[in-house]
C-alpha atoms as a PDB file:
ATOM      1  CA  MET A   1      -9.970   9.231 -28.054  1.00  0.00           C
ATOM      2  CA  LYS A   2      -7.053   8.464 -30.462  1.00  0.00           C
ATOM      3  CA  LYS A   3      -3.480   9.609 -30.158  1.00  0.00           C
ATOM      4  CA  SER A   4      -0.674   9.876 -32.734  1.00  0.00           C
ATOM      5  CA  LYS A   5       1.568   7.220 -33.455  1.00  0.00           C
ATOM      6  CA  PHE A   6       4.383   9.523 -32.223  1.00  0.00           C
ATOM      7  CA  THR A   7       2.410   9.750 -28.251  1.00  0.00           C
ATOM      8  CA  TYR A   8       2.500   5.761 -28.119  1.00  0.00           C
ATOM      9  CA  ILE A   9       6.383   5.651 -29.477  1.00  0.00           C
ATOM     10  CA  LEU A  10       6.918   8.530 -26.629  1.00  0.00           C
ATOM     11  CA  ILE A  11       5.171   6.953 -23.822  1.00  0.00           C
ATOM     12  CA  PHE A  12       6.331   3.473 -24.843  1.00  0.00           C
ATOM     13  CA  MET A  13       9.914   4.344 -25.017  1.00  0.00           C
ATOM     14  CA  SER A  14      10.214   6.727 -21.995  1.00  0.00           C
ATOM     15  CA  PRO A  15      10.446   3.725 -19.287  1.00  0.00           C
ATOM     16  CA  PHE A  16      13.771   2.764 -21.010  1.00  0.00           C
ATOM     17  CA  VAL A  17      15.285   6.006 -21.593  1.00  0.00           C
ATOM     18  CA  LEU A  18      14.405   6.675 -17.760  1.00  0.00           C
ATOM     19  CA  ILE A  19      15.838   3.348 -16.631  1.00  0.00           C
ATOM     20  CA  PHE A  20      19.435   4.613 -18.672  1.00  0.00           C
ATOM     21  CA  LEU A  21      19.434   8.006 -17.432  1.00  0.00           C
ATOM     22  CA  THR A  22      18.944   6.677 -14.010  1.00  0.00           C
ATOM     23  CA  LEU A  23      22.070   4.500 -13.987  1.00  0.00           C
ATOM     24  CA  PHE A  24      24.258   7.874 -14.101  1.00  0.00           C
ATOM     25  CA  ASN A  25      22.278   9.728 -12.246  1.00  0.00           C
ATOM     26  CA  GLY A  26      23.248   9.903  -8.589  1.00  0.00           C
ATOM     27  CA  ARG A  27      25.586  11.298  -5.729  1.00  0.00           C
ATOM     28  CA  TYR A  28      28.025   9.414  -6.978  1.00  0.00           C
ATOM     29  CA  PRO A  29      29.404  11.003 -10.384  1.00  0.00           C
ATOM     30  CA  ILE A  30      30.417   8.958 -13.528  1.00  0.00           C
ATOM     31  CA  PRO A  31      32.412  10.301 -16.279  1.00  0.00           C
ATOM     32  CA  LEU A  32      30.606  10.402 -19.361  1.00  0.00           C
ATOM     33  CA  LYS A  33      33.348   9.254 -21.325  1.00  0.00           C
ATOM     34  CA  ASP A  34      33.529   6.183 -19.401  1.00  0.00           C
ATOM     35  CA  ILE A  35      29.971   5.595 -20.041  1.00  0.00           C
ATOM     36  CA  PRO A  36      30.081   3.184 -23.307  1.00  0.00           C
ATOM     37  CA  ARG A  37      33.146   1.387 -21.507  1.00  0.00           C
ATOM     38  CA  ILE A  38      31.223   0.938 -18.221  1.00  0.00           C
ATOM     39  CA  LEU A  39      27.934  -0.609 -20.301  1.00  0.00           C
ATOM     40  CA  ALA A  40      29.933  -2.889 -22.063  1.00  0.00           C
ATOM     41  CA  TYR A  41      31.882  -3.891 -18.842  1.00  0.00           C
ATOM     42  CA  PRO A  42      29.740  -7.382 -18.295  1.00  0.00           C
ATOM     43  CA  PHE A  43      31.054  -8.546 -21.643  1.00  0.00           C
ATOM     44  CA  SER A  44      34.487  -7.076 -22.286  1.00  0.00           C
ATOM     45  CA  ARG A  45      35.778  -7.389 -18.365  1.00  0.00           C
ATOM     46  CA  SER A  46      38.104  -4.464 -19.538  1.00  0.00           C
ATOM     47  CA  THR A  47      40.521  -3.270 -17.044  1.00  0.00           C
ATOM     48  CA  LEU A  48      40.632   0.489 -17.656  1.00  0.00           C
ATOM     49  CA  ILE A  49      37.354   0.807 -15.937  1.00  0.00           C
ATOM     50  CA  ASN A  50      37.215   1.533 -12.483  1.00  0.00           C
ATOM     51  CA  ASP A  51      36.024  -1.509 -10.597  1.00  0.00           C
ATOM     52  CA  THR A  52      33.969   0.714  -8.304  1.00  0.00           C
ATOM     53  CA  TYR A  53      32.062   2.833 -11.964  1.00  0.00           C
ATOM     54  CA  SER A  54      30.915  -1.023 -13.106  1.00  0.00           C
ATOM     55  CA  THR A  55      29.749  -2.218  -9.092  1.00  0.00           C
ATOM     56  CA  ILE A  56      27.605   0.921  -9.038  1.00  0.00           C
ATOM     57  CA  ILE A  57      25.755   0.476 -12.223  1.00  0.00           C
ATOM     58  CA  TRP A  58      25.670  -3.025 -12.638  1.00  0.00           C
ATOM     59  CA  ASN A  59      25.478  -4.487  -8.938  1.00  0.00           C
ATOM     60  CA  ILE A  60      23.310  -0.984  -7.632  1.00  0.00           C
ATOM     61  CA  ARG A  61      21.444   0.849 -10.045  1.00  0.00           C
ATOM     62  CA  MET A  62      20.772  -1.682 -12.502  1.00  0.00           C
ATOM     63  CA  PRO A  63      18.465  -3.905 -10.718  1.00  0.00           C
ATOM     64  CA  ARG A  64      17.004  -0.913  -8.663  1.00  0.00           C
ATOM     65  CA  ALA A  65      15.888   0.479 -11.763  1.00  0.00           C
ATOM     66  CA  MET A  66      14.955  -2.561 -13.306  1.00  0.00           C
ATOM     67  CA  LEU A  67      12.809  -3.157  -9.717  1.00  0.00           C
ATOM     68  CA  SER A  68      10.763   0.030  -9.782  1.00  0.00           C
ATOM     69  CA  ALA A  69       9.845  -0.247 -13.834  1.00  0.00           C
ATOM     70  CA  LEU A  70       8.824  -3.697 -13.325  1.00  0.00           C
ATOM     71  CA  ALA A  71       6.860  -3.027  -9.929  1.00  0.00           C
ATOM     72  CA  GLY A  72       5.389   0.365 -11.604  1.00  0.00           C
ATOM     73  CA  ALA A  73       4.234  -1.154 -14.179  1.00  0.00           C
ATOM     74  CA  SER A  74       2.777  -4.246 -12.394  1.00  0.00           C
ATOM     75  CA  LEU A  75       0.770  -2.007  -9.811  1.00  0.00           C
ATOM     76  CA  ALA A  76      -0.693   0.687 -12.251  1.00  0.00           C
ATOM     77  CA  VAL A  77      -1.534  -2.587 -14.649  1.00  0.00           C
ATOM     78  CA  SER A  78      -3.628  -3.937 -11.919  1.00  0.00           C
ATOM     79  CA  GLY A  79      -5.171  -0.716 -10.826  1.00  0.00           C
ATOM     80  CA  ALA A  80      -6.334  -0.368 -14.728  1.00  0.00           C
ATOM     81  CA  ALA A  81      -7.645  -3.967 -14.654  1.00  0.00           C
ATOM     82  CA  PHE A  82      -9.370  -3.615 -11.087  1.00  0.00           C
ATOM     83  CA  GLN A  83     -10.769  -0.112 -12.520  1.00  0.00           C
ATOM     84  CA  GLY A  84     -12.593  -1.435 -15.647  1.00  0.00           C
ATOM     85  CA  LEU A  85     -13.432  -4.809 -14.352  1.00  0.00           C
ATOM     86  CA  PHE A  86     -15.568  -3.478 -11.075  1.00  0.00           C
ATOM     87  CA  HIS A  87     -16.459  -0.201 -13.708  1.00  0.00           C
ATOM     88  CA  ASN A  88     -15.040   2.310 -10.534  1.00  0.00           C
ATOM     89  CA  PRO A  89     -12.532   4.764 -11.141  1.00  0.00           C
ATOM     90  CA  LEU A  90     -11.691   4.829  -6.712  1.00  0.00           C
ATOM     91  CA  VAL A  91     -10.373   1.360  -6.869  1.00  0.00           C
ATOM     92  CA  ASN A  92      -6.678   0.607  -6.438  1.00  0.00           C
ATOM     93  CA  SER A  93      -4.283  -2.627  -7.362  1.00  0.00           C
ATOM     94  CA  GLY A  94      -4.346  -3.647  -3.551  1.00  0.00           C
ATOM     95  CA  MET A  95      -8.340  -3.446  -3.028  1.00  0.00           C
ATOM     96  CA  LEU A  96      -8.863  -6.990  -2.835  1.00  0.00           C
ATOM     97  CA  GLY A  97      -6.483  -7.336   0.157  1.00  0.00           C
ATOM     98  CA  VAL A  98      -3.042  -8.365  -1.938  1.00  0.00           C
ATOM     99  CA  SER A  99      -1.129  -5.625  -0.245  1.00  0.00           C
ATOM    100  CA  SER A 100      -2.207  -6.298   3.465  1.00  0.00           C
ATOM    101  CA  GLY A 101      -1.695  -9.907   2.763  1.00  0.00           C
ATOM    102  CA  SER A 102       1.836  -9.427   1.649  1.00  0.00           C
ATOM    103  CA  GLY A 103       2.552  -6.718   4.057  1.00  0.00           C
ATOM    104  CA  PHE A 104       1.681  -8.881   6.946  1.00  0.00           C
ATOM    105  CA  GLY A 105       3.405 -11.992   5.275  1.00  0.00           C
ATOM    106  CA  ALA A 106       6.653  -9.749   5.054  1.00  0.00           C
ATOM    107  CA  ALA A 107       6.073  -8.772   8.638  1.00  0.00           C
ATOM    108  CA  LEU A 108       5.503 -12.229  10.203  1.00  0.00           C
ATOM    109  CA  ALA A 109       8.542 -13.667   8.563  1.00  0.00           C
ATOM    110  CA  ILE A 110      10.402 -10.306   9.733  1.00  0.00           C
ATOM    111  CA  LEU A 111       9.648 -11.591  13.248  1.00  0.00           C
ATOM    112  CA  LEU A 112      10.139 -15.085  13.017  1.00  0.00           C
ATOM    113  CA  PHE A 113      13.255 -14.823  10.991  1.00  0.00           C
ATOM    114  CA  ALA A 114      15.067 -11.775   9.775  1.00  0.00           C
ATOM    115  CA  ARG A 115      14.670  -8.793   7.169  1.00  0.00           C
ATOM    116  CA  SER A 116      17.541 -10.502   4.751  1.00  0.00           C
ATOM    117  CA  SER A 117      15.798 -13.739   4.951  1.00  0.00           C
ATOM    118  CA  PRO A 118      14.307 -15.055   1.633  1.00  0.00           C
ATOM    119  CA  PHE A 119      10.956 -16.147   3.404  1.00  0.00           C
ATOM    120  CA  VAL A 120      10.104 -12.433   3.645  1.00  0.00           C
ATOM    121  CA  TYR A 121       9.504 -12.525  -0.132  1.00  0.00           C
ATOM    122  CA  ILE A 122       7.971 -16.254   0.212  1.00  0.00           C
ATOM    123  CA  PHE A 123       5.793 -15.132   2.726  1.00  0.00           C
ATOM    124  CA  ALA A 124       4.718 -11.891   1.222  1.00  0.00           C
ATOM    125  CA  LEU A 125       3.450 -13.940  -2.047  1.00  0.00           C
ATOM    126  CA  ILE A 126       2.070 -16.251  -0.309  1.00  0.00           C
ATOM    127  CA  PHE A 127      -0.286 -14.319   1.809  1.00  0.00           C
ATOM    128  CA  GLY A 128      -0.615 -11.919  -0.474  1.00  0.00           C
ATOM    129  CA  GLY A 129      -2.602 -14.797  -2.776  1.00  0.00           C
ATOM    130  CA  ILE A 130      -4.338 -15.912   0.641  1.00  0.00           C
ATOM    131  CA  ALA A 131      -5.930 -12.562   1.316  1.00  0.00           C
ATOM    132  CA  VAL A 132      -7.396 -12.396  -2.475  1.00  0.00           C
ATOM    133  CA  PHE A 133      -8.414 -15.612  -2.159  1.00  0.00           C
ATOM    134  CA  LEU A 134     -10.479 -15.178   0.554  1.00  0.00           C
ATOM    135  CA  SER A 135     -11.595 -12.054  -0.561  1.00  0.00           C
ATOM    136  CA  TYR A 136     -12.708 -13.998  -3.899  1.00  0.00           C
ATOM    137  CA  THR A 137     -14.462 -16.704  -1.688  1.00  0.00           C
ATOM    138  CA  ILE A 138     -16.456 -14.325   0.533  1.00  0.00           C
ATOM    139  CA  GLY A 139     -17.634 -12.307  -2.550  1.00  0.00           C
ATOM    140  CA  ARG A 140     -18.694 -15.624  -4.603  1.00  0.00           C
ATOM    141  CA  ILE A 141     -22.648 -15.712  -3.795  1.00  0.00           C
ATOM    142  CA  TYR A 142     -24.756 -18.428  -5.624  1.00  0.00           C
ATOM    143  CA  ASN A 143     -21.609 -19.466  -7.842  1.00  0.00           C
ATOM    144  CA  THR A 144     -21.636 -15.900  -9.398  1.00  0.00           C
ATOM    145  CA  THR A 145     -19.233 -13.033  -8.132  1.00  0.00           C
ATOM    146  CA  PRO A 146     -21.028  -9.863  -7.761  1.00  0.00           C
ATOM    147  CA  THR A 147     -18.537  -7.209  -8.130  1.00  0.00           C
ATOM    148  CA  ILE A 148     -20.207  -5.229  -4.913  1.00  0.00           C
ATOM    149  CA  MET A 149     -19.551  -8.140  -3.022  1.00  0.00           C
ATOM    150  CA  LEU A 150     -15.964  -8.801  -4.313  1.00  0.00           C
ATOM    151  CA  VAL A 151     -15.434  -5.017  -2.854  1.00  0.00           C
ATOM    152  CA  LEU A 152     -16.555  -5.836   0.632  1.00  0.00           C
ATOM    153  CA  GLY A 153     -15.077  -8.743   0.675  1.00  0.00           C
ATOM    154  CA  GLY A 154     -11.483  -7.008  -0.138  1.00  0.00           C
ATOM    155  CA  THR A 155     -12.372  -4.457   2.347  1.00  0.00           C
ATOM    156  CA  VAL A 156     -13.155  -6.559   5.018  1.00  0.00           C
ATOM    157  CA  VAL A 157      -9.882  -9.084   4.288  1.00  0.00           C
ATOM    158  CA  SER A 158      -7.852  -5.711   3.969  1.00  0.00           C
ATOM    159  CA  SER A 159      -9.118  -4.919   7.441  1.00  0.00           C
ATOM    160  CA  ILE A 160      -8.439  -8.002   9.038  1.00  0.00           C
ATOM    161  CA  PHE A 161      -4.443  -8.406   7.821  1.00  0.00           C
ATOM    162  CA  SER A 162      -3.613  -4.603   8.565  1.00  0.00           C
ATOM    163  CA  ALA A 163      -4.833  -5.490  12.310  1.00  0.00           C
ATOM    164  CA  LEU A 164      -2.867  -8.715  12.008  1.00  0.00           C
ATOM    165  CA  ILE A 165      -0.043  -6.491  10.843  1.00  0.00           C
ATOM    166  CA  SER A 166      -0.649  -4.382  14.135  1.00  0.00           C
ATOM    167  CA  LEU A 167      -0.450  -7.526  16.015  1.00  0.00           C
ATOM    168  CA  VAL A 168       3.216  -8.651  14.814  1.00  0.00           C
ATOM    169  CA  LYS A 169       4.478  -4.935  14.831  1.00  0.00           C
ATOM    170  CA  TYR A 170       3.000  -4.788  18.692  1.00  0.00           C
ATOM    171  CA  MET A 171       5.341  -8.534  19.114  1.00  0.00           C
ATOM    172  CA  ALA A 172       8.154  -7.182  17.313  1.00  0.00           C
ATOM    173  CA  ASP A 173      11.559  -6.227  19.153  1.00  0.00           C
ATOM    174  CA  PRO A 174      11.254  -2.652  19.537  1.00  0.00           C
ATOM    175  CA  LEU A 175      14.960  -2.376  18.537  1.00  0.00           C
ATOM    176  CA  ASN A 176      15.570  -4.660  15.547  1.00  0.00           C
ATOM    177  CA  GLU A 177      12.587  -5.871  14.369  1.00  0.00           C
ATOM    178  CA  LEU A 178      10.258  -3.341  14.480  1.00  0.00           C
ATOM    179  CA  PRO A 179      12.274  -0.413  12.690  1.00  0.00           C
ATOM    180  CA  ALA A 180      12.918  -3.293  10.134  1.00  0.00           C
ATOM    181  CA  ILE A 181       8.975  -4.277   9.788  1.00  0.00           C
ATOM    182  CA  THR A 182       8.063  -0.130   9.562  1.00  0.00           C
ATOM    183  CA  PHE A 183      10.553   0.980   7.154  1.00  0.00           C
ATOM    184  CA  TRP A 184       9.760  -2.573   4.789  1.00  0.00           C
ATOM    185  CA  LEU A 185       5.602  -1.655   5.063  1.00  0.00           C
ATOM    186  CA  MET A 186       7.177   2.012   3.824  1.00  0.00           C
ATOM    187  CA  GLY A 187       8.152   1.086   0.348  1.00  0.00           C
ATOM    188  CA  SER A 188      11.871   0.975  -0.971  1.00  0.00           C
ATOM    189  CA  PHE A 189      14.531   0.029  -3.504  1.00  0.00           C
ATOM    190  CA  ALA A 190      17.216   0.441  -1.334  1.00  0.00           C
ATOM    191  CA  SER A 191      18.125  -2.890  -0.826  1.00  0.00           C
ATOM    192  CA  ALA A 192      17.377  -4.161  -4.384  1.00  0.00           C
ATOM    193  CA  ASN A 193      19.925  -6.506  -5.974  1.00  0.00           C
ATOM    194  CA  ALA A 194      19.412  -8.803  -8.761  1.00  0.00           C
ATOM    195  CA  GLN A 195      17.959 -11.389  -6.235  1.00  0.00           C
ATOM    196  CA  ASP A 196      15.116  -9.515  -5.899  1.00  0.00           C
ATOM    197  CA  ILE A 197      14.983  -9.574  -9.998  1.00  0.00           C
ATOM    198  CA  LEU A 198      14.935 -13.462  -9.872  1.00  0.00           C
ATOM    199  CA  ILE A 199      11.912 -13.941  -7.420  1.00  0.00           C
ATOM    200  CA  GLY A 200       9.753 -10.569  -8.204  1.00  0.00           C
ATOM    201  CA  ALA A 201       9.794 -10.405 -11.568  1.00  0.00           C
ATOM    202  CA  PRO A 202       8.573 -13.999 -12.822  1.00  0.00           C
ATOM    203  CA  PRO A 203       5.098 -13.187 -10.925  1.00  0.00           C
ATOM    204  CA  MET A 204       5.014  -9.568 -12.338  1.00  0.00           C
ATOM    205  CA  ILE A 205       5.737 -10.079 -15.797  1.00  0.00           C
ATOM    206  CA  LEU A 206       3.508 -12.965 -15.786  1.00  0.00           C
ATOM    207  CA  GLY A 207       0.958 -10.847 -14.429  1.00  0.00           C
ATOM    208  CA  ILE A 208       1.338  -8.242 -16.740  1.00  0.00           C
ATOM    209  CA  ALA A 209       1.559 -10.173 -20.020  1.00  0.00           C
ATOM    210  CA  GLY A 210      -1.555 -11.802 -18.209  1.00  0.00           C
ATOM    211  CA  LEU A 211      -3.678  -9.096 -18.189  1.00  0.00           C
ATOM    212  CA  ILE A 212      -2.828  -7.624 -21.680  1.00  0.00           C
ATOM    213  CA  LEU A 213      -3.587 -10.290 -23.361  1.00  0.00           C
ATOM    214  CA  MET A 214      -6.657 -10.642 -21.974  1.00  0.00           C
ATOM    215  CA  ARG A 215      -7.416  -6.832 -22.213  1.00  0.00           C
ATOM    216  CA  TRP A 216     -10.507  -6.995 -24.907  1.00  0.00           C
ATOM    217  CA  ARG A 217     -12.112  -9.286 -22.145  1.00  0.00           C
ATOM    218  CA  ILE A 218     -11.944  -6.732 -19.413  1.00  0.00           C
ATOM    219  CA  ASN A 219     -13.790  -4.274 -21.660  1.00  0.00           C
ATOM    220  CA  VAL A 220     -16.625  -6.884 -22.244  1.00  0.00           C
ATOM    221  CA  LEU A 221     -16.903  -7.566 -18.071  1.00  0.00           C
ATOM    222  CA  SER A 222     -16.747  -3.887 -17.286  1.00  0.00           C
ATOM    223  CA  MET A 223     -20.429  -3.585 -19.246  1.00  0.00           C
ATOM    224  CA  GLY A 224     -21.721  -6.365 -17.096  1.00  0.00           C
ATOM    225  CA  ASP A 225     -22.635 -10.120 -16.493  1.00  0.00           C
ATOM    226  CA  ARG A 226     -25.309  -9.830 -18.551  1.00  0.00           C
ATOM    227  CA  GLU A 227     -23.669  -8.096 -21.538  1.00  0.00           C
ATOM    228  CA  ALA A 228     -20.722 -10.162 -21.264  1.00  0.00           C
ATOM    229  CA  HIS A 229     -22.662 -13.414 -21.011  1.00  0.00           C
ATOM    230  CA  THR A 230     -24.667 -12.095 -24.113  1.00  0.00           C
ATOM    231  CA  LEU A 231     -21.500 -11.769 -25.697  1.00  0.00           C
ATOM    232  CA  GLY A 232     -20.375 -15.934 -24.802  1.00  0.00           C
ATOM    233  CA  ILE A 233     -17.806 -14.681 -22.322  1.00  0.00           C
ATOM    234  CA  SER A 234     -18.133 -16.255 -18.896  1.00  0.00           C
ATOM    235  CA  SER A 235     -18.047 -13.867 -16.689  1.00  0.00           C
ATOM    236  CA  SER A 236     -17.376 -15.935 -13.473  1.00  0.00           C
ATOM    237  CA  LEU A 237     -14.186 -17.654 -15.416  1.00  0.00           C
ATOM    238  CA  ASN A 238     -12.962 -13.790 -17.142  1.00  0.00           C
ATOM    239  CA  LYS A 239     -13.209 -12.278 -13.491  1.00  0.00           C
ATOM    240  CA  LEU A 240     -11.267 -15.090 -11.903  1.00  0.00           C
ATOM    241  CA  ALA A 241      -8.654 -14.872 -14.057  1.00  0.00           C
ATOM    242  CA  ALA A 242      -8.555 -10.889 -13.953  1.00  0.00           C
ATOM    243  CA  ILE A 243      -7.807 -11.590 -10.154  1.00  0.00           C
ATOM    244  CA  ILE A 244      -5.181 -14.157 -10.513  1.00  0.00           C
ATOM    245  CA  PHE A 245      -3.059 -11.858 -13.199  1.00  0.00           C
ATOM    246  CA  ALA A 246      -3.718  -8.768 -10.910  1.00  0.00           C
ATOM    247  CA  THR A 247      -2.924 -10.320  -7.637  1.00  0.00           C
ATOM    248  CA  LEU A 248       0.505 -11.848  -9.582  1.00  0.00           C
ATOM    249  CA  SER A 249       1.995  -8.809 -10.461  1.00  0.00           C
ATOM    250  CA  THR A 250       0.783  -6.665  -7.692  1.00  0.00           C
ATOM    251  CA  ALA A 251       2.042  -9.326  -4.770  1.00  0.00           C
ATOM    252  CA  GLY A 252       5.240  -9.223  -6.675  1.00  0.00           C
ATOM    253  CA  ALA A 253       5.995  -6.131  -6.843  1.00  0.00           C
ATOM    254  CA  VAL A 254       4.982  -5.871  -2.910  1.00  0.00           C
ATOM    255  CA  CYS A 255       7.517  -8.891  -1.752  1.00  0.00           C
ATOM    256  CA  VAL A 256      10.372  -6.835  -3.494  1.00  0.00           C
ATOM    257  CA  SER A 257       9.632  -3.297  -2.751  1.00  0.00           C
ATOM    258  CA  GLY A 258       7.207  -3.426  -0.001  1.00  0.00           C
ATOM    259  CA  ASN A 259       3.735  -1.392   0.010  1.00  0.00           C
ATOM    260  CA  ILE A 260       3.421   1.250  -2.099  1.00  0.00           C
ATOM    261  CA  GLY A 261       0.332   3.307  -2.425  1.00  0.00           C
ATOM    262  CA  TRP A 262      -1.210   5.057  -4.983  1.00  0.00           C
ATOM    263  CA  VAL A 263       0.308   4.049  -8.490  1.00  0.00           C
ATOM    264  CA  GLY A 264      -2.389   1.548  -8.910  1.00  0.00           C
ATOM    265  CA  LEU A 265      -5.227   4.577  -8.571  1.00  0.00           C
ATOM    266  CA  ILE A 266      -3.432   7.404 -10.176  1.00  0.00           C
ATOM    267  CA  ILE A 267      -1.760   6.676 -12.804  1.00  0.00           C
ATOM    268  CA  PRO A 268      -4.597   4.956 -15.036  1.00  0.00           C
ATOM    269  CA  HIS A 269      -6.367   8.068 -14.106  1.00  0.00           C
ATOM    270  CA  VAL A 270      -3.387   9.827 -16.125  1.00  0.00           C
ATOM    271  CA  GLY A 271      -3.416   6.817 -19.091  1.00  0.00           C
ATOM    272  CA  ARG A 272      -7.103   7.782 -19.031  1.00  0.00           C
ATOM    273  CA  MET A 273      -6.692  11.371 -19.675  1.00  0.00           C
ATOM    274  CA  ILE A 274      -4.495  10.306 -22.681  1.00  0.00           C
ATOM    275  CA  VAL A 275      -6.217   7.303 -24.423  1.00  0.00           C
ATOM    276  CA  GLY A 276      -9.473   7.172 -23.086  1.00  0.00           C
ATOM    277  CA  ASN A 277     -11.491   4.461 -21.122  1.00  0.00           C
ATOM    278  CA  ASP A 278     -10.642   1.231 -24.077  1.00  0.00           C
ATOM    279  CA  ASN A 279      -8.557  -0.971 -21.738  1.00  0.00           C
ATOM    280  CA  ASN A 280      -7.149  -2.517 -25.373  1.00  0.00           C
ATOM    281  CA  SER A 281      -5.106   0.982 -25.062  1.00  0.00           C
ATOM    282  CA  LEU A 282      -5.142   1.972 -21.259  1.00  0.00           C
ATOM    283  CA  ILE A 283      -3.576  -1.155 -20.006  1.00  0.00           C
ATOM    284  CA  PRO A 284      -0.685  -1.195 -22.088  1.00  0.00           C
ATOM    285  CA  VAL A 285      -0.528   2.953 -21.998  1.00  0.00           C
ATOM    286  CA  SER A 286      -1.138   2.294 -18.024  1.00  0.00           C
ATOM    287  CA  CYS A 287       2.133  -0.248 -17.806  1.00  0.00           C
ATOM    288  CA  ALA A 288       4.450   2.290 -19.029  1.00  0.00           C
ATOM    289  CA  LEU A 289       3.812   5.326 -17.062  1.00  0.00           C
ATOM    290  CA  GLY A 290       3.536   3.507 -13.854  1.00  0.00           C
ATOM    291  CA  ALA A 291       7.230   2.464 -14.693  1.00  0.00           C
ATOM    292  CA  SER A 292       7.918   5.645 -15.798  1.00  0.00           C
ATOM    293  CA  PHE A 293       6.565   7.136 -12.876  1.00  0.00           C
ATOM    294  CA  LEU A 294       8.090   4.869 -10.142  1.00  0.00           C
ATOM    295  CA  ILE A 295      11.508   4.816 -11.642  1.00  0.00           C
ATOM    296  CA  ILE A 296      11.115   9.293 -11.488  1.00  0.00           C
ATOM    297  CA  ILE A 297       9.736   8.834  -7.669  1.00  0.00           C
ATOM    298  CA  ASP A 298      12.647   6.396  -6.816  1.00  0.00           C
ATOM    299  CA  ASN A 299      15.220   8.810  -8.365  1.00  0.00           C
ATOM    300  CA  ILE A 300      13.706  11.813  -5.972  1.00  0.00           C
ATOM    301  CA  SER A 301      13.614   9.137  -3.052  1.00  0.00           C
ATOM    302  CA  ARG A 302      17.435   8.731  -3.448  1.00  0.00           C
ATOM    303  CA  THR A 303      18.783  12.056  -4.491  1.00  0.00           C
ATOM    304  CA  LEU A 304      16.795  14.611  -2.977  1.00  0.00           C
ATOM    305  CA  THR A 305      17.974  14.830   0.711  1.00  0.00           C
ATOM    306  CA  GLY A 306      21.493  13.192   2.101  1.00  0.00           C
ATOM    307  CA  GLY A 307      19.470  10.010   3.280  1.00  0.00           C
ATOM    308  CA  GLU A 308      16.681   7.818   1.523  1.00  0.00           C
ATOM    309  CA  ILE A 309      13.339   8.950   1.437  1.00  0.00           C
ATOM    310  CA  PRO A 310      10.720   5.849   1.308  1.00  0.00           C
ATOM    311  CA  ILE A 311       8.894   5.777  -1.502  1.00  0.00           C
ATOM    312  CA  GLY A 312       5.702   5.410  -0.196  1.00  0.00           C
ATOM    313  CA  ILE A 313       5.793   8.305   1.683  1.00  0.00           C
ATOM    314  CA  LEU A 314       6.844  10.304  -2.200  1.00  0.00           C
ATOM    315  CA  THR A 315       3.740   8.065  -3.777  1.00  0.00           C
ATOM    316  CA  SER A 316       1.453   9.094  -0.998  1.00  0.00           C
ATOM    317  CA  LEU A 317       1.954  13.241  -1.162  1.00  0.00           C
ATOM    318  CA  VAL A 318       1.419  12.976  -4.962  1.00  0.00           C
ATOM    319  CA  GLY A 319      -1.800  10.472  -4.497  1.00  0.00           C
ATOM    320  CA  GLY A 320      -3.638  11.899  -1.913  1.00  0.00           C
ATOM    321  CA  PRO A 321      -3.776  15.423  -3.521  1.00  0.00           C
ATOM    322  CA  PHE A 322      -5.139  13.458  -6.994  1.00  0.00           C
ATOM    323  CA  PHE A 323      -7.529  11.385  -5.183  1.00  0.00           C
ATOM    324  CA  ILE A 324      -8.984  14.307  -3.665  1.00  0.00           C
ATOM    325  CA  TYR A 325      -9.277  15.488  -7.348  1.00  0.00           C
ATOM    326  CA  LEU A 326     -10.937  12.717  -8.302  1.00  0.00           C
ATOM    327  CA  LEU A 327     -13.906  12.610  -5.638  1.00  0.00           C
ATOM    328  CA  LYS A 328     -14.450  16.271  -6.690  1.00  0.00           C
ATOM    329  CA  LYS A 329     -14.507  14.921 -10.265  1.00  0.00           C
ATOM    330  CA  THR A 330     -16.201  11.800  -9.917  1.00  0.00           C
ATOM    331  CA  LYS A 331     -18.604  13.387  -6.740  1.00  0.00           C
ATOM    332  CA  GLY A 332     -17.875  10.271  -4.798  1.00  0.00           C
ATOM    333  CA  GLY A 333     -19.481   7.669  -7.714  1.00  0.00           C
ATOM    334  CA  SER A 334     -18.330   6.178 -10.514  1.00  0.00           C
ATOM    335  CA  TRP A 335     -17.817   6.570 -14.664  1.00  0.00           C
END
């Protein structure tokens, strides 16, 4: 499916336009005449700008917009890569247990330390990696990694870590720790700051870059192990590389935003409707669409009501009906 250059330009420019618009969207109004000077504030340190404006833009809205864009891109790219790798339209970025593992790590860190502790990020990243390692180990049979075994391994590991999350919630203090764990698992960018960017951006950027660079190999792997070997591609090695990059991007997103579901499922399908099944185009397009989608959802979550709606709720409200549509279209099967 060929698309005009204008379509691609529009898709890839949309995250940057939305980030800019996000800076001036909210309950605290920003005068339009002050926008150029507010944007130039970190470089000029002008005393003519109300310091409240610069604080809102640069310390609150900018980190939030950047993190939502990176997280959306990471989850969408991982979902697109897994759907191509496993040749199944109903898998998502957390299918190998990374989301459940990261959720358990964060919940455990909140239980042992505090919600604001940096160990929340560290534990989320570590346990996300452990979950995927266990899934890959379970799925590796006779020095090969059959697709169905990887899926089964991911299902088992996800179930185990989900049970461990429930155990941590059962042990948590119901007045302080339990609410913190519950709200973290719902997903939110309400507390986004520069520290979150420093911690979460490197694994997300590395994972996205890795998947984009090996997107043509994912095309080959989607044809099956025998075809990949015929074309001189090591299926086991390349599957492992794709899984590592997808794990980095997903775990990086989860550690700074909590569990945000459905992005890795629905966005690749939107991209597929636009550019087709070729991962050379689909993965970059999914990256841009995922960033735009989560920026929009984040704006809705903080402006729709007087409080803040967890992003995981909104993405589920969108993803649930879309999943029903996918089941009807695919009849529960693959492509």
